[in-house]
Amino acid sequence: MEKRVNSLERAVREMAELNKVKAGIFSHLLLF
């Protein structure tokens, strides 16, 4: 159970990082 929660937490964190990168790329594209 704990392992599943940890992997879920990690997945959520990775998604957040991905979204951050995507948002950075998107705002970078909007500047040009």
PDB file of N, CA and C in Angstrom:
ATOM      1  N   MET A   1       0.837  -1.195   0.000  1.00  0.00           N
ATOM      2  CA  MET A   1       0.000   0.000   0.000  1.00  0.00           C
ATOM      3  C   MET A   1       0.882   1.258   0.000  1.00  0.00           C
ATOM      4  N   GLU A   2       1.832   1.308   0.924  1.00  0.00           N
ATOM      5  CA  GLU A   2       2.702   2.484   1.000  1.00  0.00           C
ATOM      6  C   GLU A   2       3.496   2.665  -0.281  1.00  0.00           C
ATOM      7  N   LYS A   3       3.944   1.532  -0.841  1.00  0.00           N
ATOM      8  CA  LYS A   3       4.725   1.617  -2.079  1.00  0.00           C
ATOM      9  C   LYS A   3       3.887   2.214  -3.198  1.00  0.00           C
ATOM     10  N   ARG A   4       2.619   1.807  -3.246  1.00  0.00           N
ATOM     11  CA  ARG A   4       1.743   2.305  -4.299  1.00  0.00           C
ATOM     12  C   ARG A   4       1.545   3.821  -4.153  1.00  0.00           C
ATOM     13  N   VAL A   5       1.373   4.255  -2.907  1.00  0.00           N
ATOM     14  CA  VAL A   5       1.192   5.688  -2.647  1.00  0.00           C
ATOM     15  C   VAL A   5       2.450   6.447  -3.056  1.00  0.00           C
ATOM     16  N   ASN A   6       3.610   5.885  -2.747  1.00  0.00           N
ATOM     17  CA  ASN A   6       4.869   6.546  -3.082  1.00  0.00           C
ATOM     18  C   ASN A   6       5.035   6.674  -4.587  1.00  0.00           C
ATOM     19  N   SER A   7       4.703   5.604  -5.326  1.00  0.00           N
ATOM     20  CA  SER A   7       4.848   5.650  -6.779  1.00  0.00           C
ATOM     21  C   SER A   7       3.839   6.629  -7.366  1.00  0.00           C
ATOM     22  N   LEU A   8       2.647   6.697  -6.771  1.00  0.00           N
ATOM     23  CA  LEU A   8       1.630   7.639  -7.238  1.00  0.00           C
ATOM     24  C   LEU A   8       2.110   9.068  -7.006  1.00  0.00           C
ATOM     25  N   GLU A   9       2.679   9.286  -5.817  1.00  0.00           N
ATOM     26  CA  GLU A   9       3.199  10.611  -5.484  1.00  0.00           C
ATOM     27  C   GLU A   9       4.296  11.014  -6.457  1.00  0.00           C
ATOM     28  N   ARG A  10       5.164  10.047  -6.768  1.00  0.00           N
ATOM     29  CA  ARG A  10       6.264  10.317  -7.690  1.00  0.00           C
ATOM     30  C   ARG A  10       5.713  10.646  -9.073  1.00  0.00           C
ATOM     31  N   ALA A  11       4.682   9.912  -9.500  1.00  0.00           N
ATOM     32  CA  ALA A  11       4.077  10.154 -10.812  1.00  0.00           C
ATOM     33  C   ALA A  11       3.477  11.557 -10.862  1.00  0.00           C
ATOM     34  N   VAL A  12       2.803  11.946  -9.778  1.00  0.00           N
ATOM     35  CA  VAL A  12       2.201  13.285  -9.724  1.00  0.00           C
ATOM     36  C   VAL A  12       3.284  14.351  -9.791  1.00  0.00           C
ATOM     37  N   ARG A  13       4.373  14.107  -9.070  1.00  0.00           N
ATOM     38  CA  ARG A  13       5.472  15.069  -9.056  1.00  0.00           C
ATOM     39  C   ARG A  13       6.089  15.182 -10.446  1.00  0.00           C
ATOM     40  N   GLU A  14       6.260  14.026 -11.117  1.00  0.00           N
ATOM     41  CA  GLU A  14       6.834  14.035 -12.463  1.00  0.00           C
ATOM     42  C   GLU A  14       5.928  14.780 -13.433  1.00  0.00           C
ATOM     43  N   MET A  15       4.600  14.574 -13.280  1.00  0.00           N
ATOM     44  CA  MET A  15       3.650  15.268 -14.149  1.00  0.00           C
ATOM     45  C   MET A  15       3.748  16.775 -13.922  1.00  0.00           C
ATOM     46  N   ALA A  16       3.901  17.170 -12.656  1.00  0.00           N
ATOM     47  CA  ALA A  16       4.006  18.593 -12.336  1.00  0.00           C
ATOM     48  C   ALA A  16       5.262  19.174 -12.975  1.00  0.00           C
ATOM     49  N   GLU A  17       6.373  18.440 -12.906  1.00  0.00           N
ATOM     50  CA  GLU A  17       7.622  18.903 -13.511  1.00  0.00           C
ATOM     51  C   GLU A  17       7.446  19.032 -15.017  1.00  0.00           C
ATOM     52  N   LEU A  18       6.787  18.030 -15.622  1.00  0.00           N
ATOM     53  CA  LEU A  18       6.552  18.047 -17.062  1.00  0.00           C
ATOM     54  C   LEU A  18       5.716  19.258 -17.444  1.00  0.00           C
ATOM     55  N   ASN A  19       4.670  19.529 -16.662  1.00  0.00           N
ATOM     56  CA  ASN A  19       3.801  20.669 -16.940  1.00  0.00           C
ATOM     57  C   ASN A  19       4.582  21.975 -16.808  1.00  0.00           C
ATOM     58  N   LYS A  20       5.493  22.014 -15.846  1.00  0.00           N
ATOM     59  CA  LYS A  20       6.312  23.208 -15.652  1.00  0.00           C
ATOM     60  C   LYS A  20       7.171  23.445 -16.892  1.00  0.00           C
ATOM     61  N   VAL A  21       7.785  22.358 -17.386  1.00  0.00           N
ATOM     62  CA  VAL A  21       8.629  22.450 -18.582  1.00  0.00           C
ATOM     63  C   VAL A  21       7.784  22.869 -19.777  1.00  0.00           C
ATOM     64  N   LYS A  22       6.607  22.240 -19.907  1.00  0.00           N
ATOM     65  CA  LYS A  22       5.709  22.575 -21.022  1.00  0.00           C
ATOM     66  C   LYS A  22       5.299  24.038 -20.959  1.00  0.00           C
ATOM     67  N   ALA A  23       4.969  24.518 -19.763  1.00  0.00           N
ATOM     68  CA  ALA A  23       4.557  25.911 -19.604  1.00  0.00           C
ATOM     69  C   ALA A  23       5.722  26.833 -19.952  1.00  0.00           C
ATOM     70  N   GLY A  24       6.935  26.457 -19.555  1.00  0.00           N
ATOM     71  CA  GLY A  24       8.108  27.264 -19.860  1.00  0.00           C
ATOM     72  C   GLY A  24       8.341  27.340 -21.356  1.00  0.00           C
ATOM     73  N   ILE A  25       8.216  26.195 -22.050  1.00  0.00           N
ATOM     74  CA  ILE A  25       8.393  26.160 -23.502  1.00  0.00           C
ATOM     75  C   ILE A  25       7.309  26.995 -24.174  1.00  0.00           C
ATOM     76  N   PHE A  26       6.068  26.839 -23.680  1.00  0.00           N
ATOM     77  CA  PHE A  26       4.940  27.549 -24.276  1.00  0.00           C
ATOM     78  C   PHE A  26       5.122  29.056 -24.140  1.00  0.00           C
ATOM     79  N   SER A  27       5.476  29.524 -22.939  1.00  0.00           N
ATOM     80  CA  SER A  27       5.658  30.971 -22.725  1.00  0.00           C
ATOM     81  C   SER A  27       6.859  31.455 -23.540  1.00  0.00           C
ATOM     82  N   HIS A  28       7.865  30.591 -23.715  1.00  0.00           N
ATOM     83  CA  HIS A  28       9.030  30.940 -24.512  1.00  0.00           C
ATOM     84  C   HIS A  28       8.616  31.126 -25.968  1.00  0.00           C
ATOM     85  N   LEU A  29       7.735  30.236 -26.447  1.00  0.00           N
ATOM     86  CA  LEU A  29       7.256  30.332 -27.829  1.00  0.00           C
ATOM     87  C   LEU A  29       6.413  31.589 -28.011  1.00  0.00           C
ATOM     88  N   LEU A  30       5.662  31.964 -26.973  1.00  0.00           N
ATOM     89  CA  LEU A  30       4.788  33.136 -27.081  1.00  0.00           C
ATOM     90  C   LEU A  30       5.602  34.426 -27.193  1.00  0.00           C
ATOM     91  N   LEU A  31       6.852  34.392 -26.679  1.00  0.00           N
ATOM     92  CA  LEU A  31       7.677  35.595 -26.718  1.00  0.00           C
ATOM     93  C   LEU A  31       8.135  35.903 -28.131  1.00  0.00           C
ATOM     94  N   PHE A  32       8.180  34.886 -28.988  1.00  0.00           N
ATOM     95  CA  PHE A  32       8.686  35.086 -30.352  1.00  0.00           C
ATOM     96  C   PHE A  32       7.574  35.132 -31.377  1.00  0.00           C
TER      97      PHE A  32
END
